[in-house]
Amino acid sequence: MPYSVPRDRAAAVGRPRWWTELPLVLLVYVAYSAGRLLARGDVSAAVDHGLAILRIEKFLSINAEHPLNRLFTREAWLGIPADFAYASLHYLVTPAVLVWIFRRRSAHYRAARTWLLISTFIGLIGFTLMPTCPPRLLATGHGFVDTMAQYSAYGWWGGEASAPRGLGGMTNQYAAMPSLHVGWALWCGVLLWRHGRTRAARVFAVGYPLLTVIVVMGTANHYFLDAVAGAAVMGAGYWLTRPALEFAQHIRTRFTAWNGTTPVTPSPIVSGGCETSAGERITRQPGEDDRPAGSPDPAGDGTPAAAR
């Protein structure tokens, strides 16, 4: 993670509790979903943005979505699983990784959660400033097929992105730039790579983001540059996580001071271990007088042990 709360500070802040974290995450997700709907821009501008991205990709010869989309359109055994993956994994794997971090790697949870939330809101800004028509919604002359619509009879989604059939009006189909499918998959991959302890976790950490990139392009839901932008958004959120956590800690400290409460701090240790402060004697221990006769007194007064 970009930033882990030090142990002493983590102890002062306290272990995150599910009954406070769950409402927070749900509230942010609802706000994000509502923001996507409110960010619907002009359709003609969204189409222009999509075509501009496609022209840039063709100029750079990086428009990999064309051959992938033709493959998924021609081969149903690839297209149907890809549509299932696009419509479901985004909403299953990300919460699962978040819960895993919360339960098994709690010292890193706040940083992981903050990174995800910051990046998501940056993505929302991108949807607002640059509504983009995905490849599948461009005119057929541009060579793309909407596999979600082609294979809709095999799944619960309709012809409108990954929304359940009949609920397409509740999603913003022009929120393509950046691709948070790719961004969230990259977030999952980084966490699994850093904190997973098995080979399977490492394999999934690499494979899941790569698979997501292929799926979003093959289903014609995103351009390659959308995927690049999704990774860039996660990079920006990564570097903003530390200052965000430090700012939150500052606000928490100010609120504690304003509220008149004093954080509980451990009392200082006068002398570490079994040592004593200057001039303090330790009560005589059993076996203390078993020293050989004539040996000096450990107290330092020079009196032989046998003379006392």
Protein backbone atom coordinates (compact mmCIF):
# COMPACT_ATOMS: atom_id res chain seq x y z
CA MET A 1 0.00 0.00 0.00
CA PRO A 2 1.13 3.58 -0.50
CA TYR A 3 0.73 4.33 3.19
CA SER A 4 0.21 2.20 6.25
CA VAL A 5 -0.76 3.73 9.55
CA PRO A 6 2.06 3.24 12.07
CA ARG A 7 1.28 0.81 14.88
CA ASP A 8 1.25 3.43 17.62
CA ARG A 9 -1.06 5.68 15.62
CA ALA A 10 -3.23 2.75 14.59
CA ALA A 11 -3.65 1.83 18.24
CA ALA A 12 -4.66 5.40 19.04
CA VAL A 13 -7.16 5.54 16.18
CA GLY A 14 -8.55 2.09 16.97
CA ARG A 15 -9.31 -0.94 14.92
CA PRO A 16 -11.90 -0.27 12.20
CA ARG A 17 -15.34 -1.64 13.03
CA TRP A 18 -17.62 -3.18 10.43
CA TRP A 19 -20.72 -1.37 11.71
CA THR A 20 -19.08 1.97 10.94
CA GLU A 21 -17.25 0.93 7.77
CA LEU A 22 -20.19 -0.76 6.02
CA PRO A 23 -22.51 2.29 6.14
CA LEU A 24 -19.60 4.50 5.02
CA VAL A 25 -18.78 2.35 2.00
CA LEU A 26 -22.46 2.01 1.07
CA LEU A 27 -23.00 5.75 1.41
CA VAL A 28 -20.03 6.51 -0.82
CA TYR A 29 -21.18 3.95 -3.41
CA VAL A 30 -24.72 5.40 -3.48
CA ALA A 31 -23.27 8.91 -3.85
CA TYR A 32 -21.00 7.67 -6.64
CA SER A 33 -23.89 5.97 -8.48
CA ALA A 34 -26.06 9.07 -8.14
CA GLY A 35 -23.16 11.21 -9.34
CA ARG A 36 -22.79 9.07 -12.45
CA LEU A 37 -26.44 9.67 -13.30
CA LEU A 38 -26.15 13.40 -12.68
CA ALA A 39 -22.99 13.51 -14.81
CA ARG A 40 -24.85 12.62 -17.99
CA GLY A 41 -23.63 15.03 -20.60
CA ASP A 42 -24.65 15.91 -24.10
CA VAL A 43 -24.84 12.76 -26.25
CA SER A 44 -23.35 14.47 -29.29
CA ALA A 45 -20.37 15.62 -27.19
CA ALA A 46 -19.96 12.09 -25.84
CA VAL A 47 -19.92 10.69 -29.40
CA ASP A 48 -17.36 13.31 -30.44
CA HIS A 49 -15.13 12.34 -27.51
CA GLY A 50 -15.43 8.67 -28.39
CA LEU A 51 -14.53 9.27 -32.02
CA ALA A 52 -11.59 11.46 -31.01
CA ILE A 53 -10.24 8.65 -28.82
CA LEU A 54 -10.68 6.16 -31.66
CA ARG A 55 -8.80 8.44 -34.07
CA ILE A 56 -5.90 8.80 -31.63
CA GLU A 57 -5.72 5.03 -31.17
CA LYS A 58 -5.74 4.40 -34.90
CA PHE A 59 -3.01 6.96 -35.40
CA LEU A 60 -0.91 5.22 -32.72
CA SER A 61 -1.94 1.75 -33.94
CA ILE A 62 -3.16 0.74 -30.48
CA ASN A 63 -6.85 0.16 -31.25
CA ALA A 64 -6.79 -3.42 -29.95
CA GLU A 65 -10.53 -3.29 -29.22
CA HIS A 66 -11.35 -3.84 -32.91
CA PRO A 67 -9.82 -7.34 -33.32
CA LEU A 68 -10.93 -8.39 -29.83
CA ASN A 69 -14.50 -7.31 -30.47
CA ARG A 70 -14.60 -9.19 -33.76
CA LEU A 71 -13.32 -12.31 -31.98
CA PHE A 72 -15.89 -12.08 -29.17
CA THR A 73 -18.65 -11.43 -31.69
CA ARG A 74 -17.71 -14.43 -33.81
CA GLU A 75 -16.98 -16.89 -30.97
CA ALA A 76 -19.89 -17.16 -28.56
CA TRP A 77 -17.88 -19.40 -26.22
CA LEU A 78 -15.65 -16.38 -25.63
CA GLY A 79 -18.20 -13.60 -25.91
CA ILE A 80 -20.76 -14.96 -23.46
CA PRO A 81 -18.30 -15.57 -20.56
CA ALA A 82 -16.78 -12.16 -21.27
CA ASP A 83 -20.19 -10.52 -20.94
CA PHE A 84 -20.81 -12.39 -17.69
CA ALA A 85 -17.41 -11.24 -16.42
CA TYR A 86 -18.09 -7.62 -17.37
CA ALA A 87 -21.53 -7.64 -15.77
CA SER A 88 -20.59 -9.32 -12.49
CA LEU A 89 -16.91 -9.48 -11.46
CA HIS A 90 -16.67 -5.72 -11.06
CA TYR A 91 -19.27 -5.92 -8.28
CA LEU A 92 -18.09 -9.16 -6.67
CA VAL A 93 -14.29 -9.21 -6.61
CA THR A 94 -13.78 -5.64 -5.39
CA PRO A 95 -16.00 -5.97 -2.27
CA ALA A 96 -14.52 -9.42 -1.59
CA VAL A 97 -10.97 -8.02 -1.59
CA LEU A 98 -12.05 -5.11 0.61
CA VAL A 99 -13.60 -7.50 3.15
CA TRP A 100 -10.49 -9.71 3.03
CA ILE A 101 -8.25 -6.74 3.78
CA PHE A 102 -10.57 -5.71 6.61
CA ARG A 103 -10.52 -9.15 8.22
CA ARG A 104 -7.02 -10.43 7.50
CA ARG A 105 -4.85 -7.34 6.97
CA SER A 106 -6.60 -4.78 9.16
CA ALA A 107 -3.44 -2.67 9.59
CA HIS A 108 -3.67 -1.83 5.87
CA TYR A 109 -7.45 -1.50 5.64
CA ARG A 110 -7.81 2.27 6.06
CA ALA A 111 -5.18 2.96 3.42
CA ALA A 112 -6.80 0.45 1.02
CA ARG A 113 -10.28 1.84 1.55
CA THR A 114 -9.13 5.45 1.22
CA TRP A 115 -7.21 4.68 -1.97
CA LEU A 116 -10.30 3.08 -3.52
CA LEU A 117 -12.65 5.91 -2.54
CA ILE A 118 -10.34 8.71 -3.69
CA SER A 119 -9.74 7.04 -7.04
CA THR A 120 -13.45 6.42 -7.53
CA PHE A 121 -14.27 10.09 -7.00
CA ILE A 122 -11.50 11.11 -9.40
CA GLY A 123 -13.16 8.81 -11.94
CA LEU A 124 -16.48 10.52 -11.28
CA ILE A 125 -14.85 13.86 -12.11
CA GLY A 126 -13.66 12.33 -15.37
CA PHE A 127 -17.18 11.17 -16.26
CA THR A 128 -18.46 14.69 -15.58
CA LEU A 129 -15.81 16.58 -17.53
CA MET A 130 -15.55 14.15 -20.43
CA PRO A 131 -18.66 12.08 -21.15
CA THR A 132 -17.56 9.48 -23.67
CA CYS A 133 -19.53 7.22 -25.97
CA PRO A 134 -18.26 3.62 -25.66
CA PRO A 135 -17.37 1.76 -28.86
CA ARG A 136 -20.53 -0.38 -28.74
CA LEU A 137 -22.75 2.71 -29.03
CA LEU A 138 -20.98 4.20 -32.04
CA ALA A 139 -22.60 3.93 -35.46
CA THR A 140 -22.23 0.46 -36.99
CA GLY A 141 -19.98 1.89 -39.68
CA HIS A 142 -17.15 2.14 -37.13
CA GLY A 143 -16.96 -1.65 -36.95
CA PHE A 144 -18.07 -2.45 -33.40
CA VAL A 145 -20.75 -4.90 -32.23
CA ASP A 146 -22.47 -4.60 -28.86
CA THR A 147 -21.86 -8.08 -27.46
CA MET A 148 -23.94 -7.26 -24.37
CA ALA A 149 -26.94 -6.84 -26.67
CA GLN A 150 -25.97 -9.74 -28.93
CA TYR A 151 -25.79 -12.22 -26.04
CA SER A 152 -28.39 -10.61 -23.76
CA ALA A 153 -30.60 -13.72 -23.93
CA TYR A 154 -27.90 -15.65 -22.05
CA GLY A 155 -27.67 -13.31 -19.06
CA TRP A 156 -29.64 -11.03 -16.79
CA TRP A 157 -28.47 -7.85 -18.52
CA GLY A 158 -30.37 -6.13 -21.27
CA GLY A 159 -29.07 -4.18 -24.21
CA GLU A 160 -27.88 -1.32 -22.01
CA ALA A 161 -24.45 -2.08 -20.58
CA SER A 162 -24.33 -4.31 -17.51
CA ALA A 163 -27.57 -3.07 -15.95
CA PRO A 164 -30.22 -5.72 -15.22
CA ARG A 165 -32.82 -6.05 -17.91
CA GLY A 166 -35.31 -3.19 -17.66
CA LEU A 167 -33.07 -1.01 -15.48
CA GLY A 168 -30.90 0.46 -18.20
CA GLY A 169 -32.28 3.91 -17.50
CA MET A 170 -30.63 3.84 -14.09
CA THR A 171 -27.09 3.79 -15.48
CA ASN A 172 -24.97 6.30 -17.37
CA GLN A 173 -23.85 4.55 -20.54
CA TYR A 174 -21.56 7.43 -21.47
CA ALA A 175 -19.35 7.08 -18.38
CA ALA A 176 -16.60 5.30 -20.28
CA MET A 177 -13.59 7.52 -19.62
CA PRO A 178 -11.85 6.44 -17.42
CA SER A 179 -12.62 2.73 -17.10
CA LEU A 180 -13.15 2.00 -13.42
CA HIS A 181 -13.65 -1.66 -14.32
CA VAL A 182 -9.93 -1.62 -15.08
CA GLY A 183 -9.10 0.74 -12.23
CA TRP A 184 -10.82 -1.34 -9.56
CA ALA A 185 -9.31 -4.54 -10.99
CA LEU A 186 -5.86 -2.95 -10.72
CA TRP A 187 -6.61 -2.00 -7.10
CA CYS A 188 -7.52 -5.62 -6.36
CA GLY A 189 -4.38 -6.86 -8.10
CA VAL A 190 -2.03 -4.58 -6.19
CA LEU A 191 -3.52 -5.53 -2.82
CA LEU A 192 -3.44 -9.24 -3.57
CA TRP A 193 0.14 -9.03 -4.81
CA ARG A 194 1.35 -7.09 -1.76
CA HIS A 195 -0.61 -8.88 0.94
CA GLY A 196 -1.48 -12.30 -0.48
CA ARG A 197 0.77 -15.06 0.78
CA THR A 198 -0.02 -17.82 -1.69
CA ARG A 199 0.95 -18.45 -5.28
CA ALA A 200 -2.73 -18.51 -6.25
CA ALA A 201 -3.16 -15.00 -4.87
CA ARG A 202 -0.18 -13.78 -6.89
CA VAL A 203 -1.48 -15.40 -10.07
CA PHE A 204 -4.92 -13.85 -9.57
CA ALA A 205 -3.30 -10.49 -8.77
CA VAL A 206 -1.72 -10.42 -12.23
CA GLY A 207 -4.38 -12.27 -14.20
CA TYR A 208 -7.48 -10.43 -13.02
CA PRO A 209 -6.47 -6.92 -14.18
CA LEU A 210 -5.19 -8.27 -17.51
CA LEU A 211 -8.39 -10.25 -18.04
CA THR A 212 -10.45 -7.17 -17.23
CA VAL A 213 -8.62 -5.09 -19.84
CA ILE A 214 -9.30 -7.76 -22.48
CA VAL A 215 -12.96 -8.09 -21.45
CA VAL A 216 -13.79 -4.38 -21.49
CA MET A 217 -12.30 -3.99 -24.96
CA GLY A 218 -13.63 -7.24 -26.43
CA THR A 219 -17.19 -6.46 -25.32
CA ALA A 220 -16.81 -2.96 -26.87
CA ASN A 221 -17.54 -1.25 -23.57
CA HIS A 222 -14.24 0.65 -23.45
CA TYR A 223 -11.39 1.84 -25.62
CA PHE A 224 -7.83 0.90 -24.82
CA LEU A 225 -7.18 4.50 -23.73
CA ASP A 226 -10.09 4.20 -21.28
CA ALA A 227 -8.19 1.37 -19.63
CA VAL A 228 -5.02 3.47 -19.56
CA ALA A 229 -6.97 6.33 -17.97
CA GLY A 230 -8.40 3.92 -15.39
CA ALA A 231 -4.87 2.92 -14.38
CA ALA A 232 -3.82 6.59 -14.24
CA VAL A 233 -6.76 7.41 -11.97
CA MET A 234 -5.71 4.65 -9.58
CA GLY A 235 -2.16 6.01 -9.66
CA ALA A 236 -3.41 9.46 -8.69
CA GLY A 237 -5.50 7.99 -5.88
CA TYR A 238 -2.49 5.98 -4.73
CA TRP A 239 -0.37 9.08 -4.19
CA LEU A 240 -3.20 11.07 -2.59
CA THR A 241 -3.90 8.39 0.00
CA ARG A 242 -1.17 9.38 2.46
CA PRO A 243 -2.03 13.10 2.63
CA ALA A 244 -5.71 12.18 2.90
CA LEU A 245 -5.05 9.90 5.88
CA GLU A 246 -2.84 12.48 7.55
CA PHE A 247 -5.48 15.16 7.03
CA ALA A 248 -8.14 12.86 8.51
CA GLN A 249 -5.89 12.23 11.52
CA HIS A 250 -5.37 15.99 11.93
CA ILE A 251 -9.13 16.59 11.87
CA ARG A 252 -9.64 13.77 14.37
CA THR A 253 -7.06 15.28 16.71
CA ARG A 254 -8.58 18.75 16.44
CA PHE A 255 -12.04 17.37 17.12
CA THR A 256 -10.77 15.48 20.16
CA ALA A 257 -9.23 18.67 21.52
CA TRP A 258 -12.38 20.67 20.79
CA ASN A 259 -14.54 18.01 22.43
CA GLY A 260 -12.51 18.31 25.60
CA THR A 261 -11.36 14.70 25.71
CA THR A 262 -7.77 13.64 26.22
CA PRO A 263 -6.44 10.60 24.37
CA VAL A 264 -5.41 7.82 26.70
CA THR A 265 -1.65 7.40 26.64
CA PRO A 266 0.36 4.81 28.51
CA SER A 267 2.12 6.06 31.66
CA PRO A 268 5.86 6.56 31.20
CA ILE A 269 8.11 3.83 32.53
CA VAL A 270 10.46 5.26 35.11
CA SER A 271 12.96 2.49 34.68
CA GLY A 272 12.81 -0.22 32.07
CA GLY A 273 12.64 -3.89 32.91
CA CYS A 274 13.59 -4.72 36.49
CA GLU A 275 15.87 -1.75 36.95
CA THR A 276 15.23 0.77 39.74
CA SER A 277 15.64 4.48 40.04
CA ALA A 278 18.67 5.94 41.79
CA GLY A 279 18.88 5.16 45.52
CA GLU A 280 16.17 2.50 45.48
CA ARG A 281 16.95 -0.89 47.04
CA ILE A 282 15.50 -4.16 45.91
CA THR A 283 14.02 -6.35 48.61
CA ARG A 284 16.43 -9.16 49.50
CA GLN A 285 15.80 -12.13 47.28
CA PRO A 286 15.95 -15.78 48.34
CA GLY A 287 19.45 -17.19 48.13
CA GLU A 288 21.05 -13.79 48.41
CA ASP A 289 23.19 -14.85 51.44
CA ASP A 290 24.47 -17.95 49.74
CA ARG A 291 27.50 -15.98 48.52
CA PRO A 292 30.93 -17.23 49.64
CA ALA A 293 32.17 -15.76 52.92
CA GLY A 294 34.21 -12.65 52.44
CA SER A 295 32.70 -11.76 49.15
CA PRO A 296 31.85 -8.09 48.77
CA ASP A 297 28.31 -6.94 49.26
CA PRO A 298 26.59 -6.31 45.91
CA ALA A 299 25.09 -3.18 47.46
CA GLY A 300 28.55 -1.68 47.28
CA ASP A 301 29.11 -0.88 50.98
CA GLY A 302 32.09 -3.27 51.21
CA THR A 303 30.66 -5.30 54.13
CA PRO A 304 31.31 -9.02 53.73
CA ALA A 305 28.22 -11.14 53.50
CA ALA A 306 29.18 -13.25 56.54
CA ALA A 307 29.57 -10.17 58.77
CA ARG A 308 25.97 -9.10 58.40
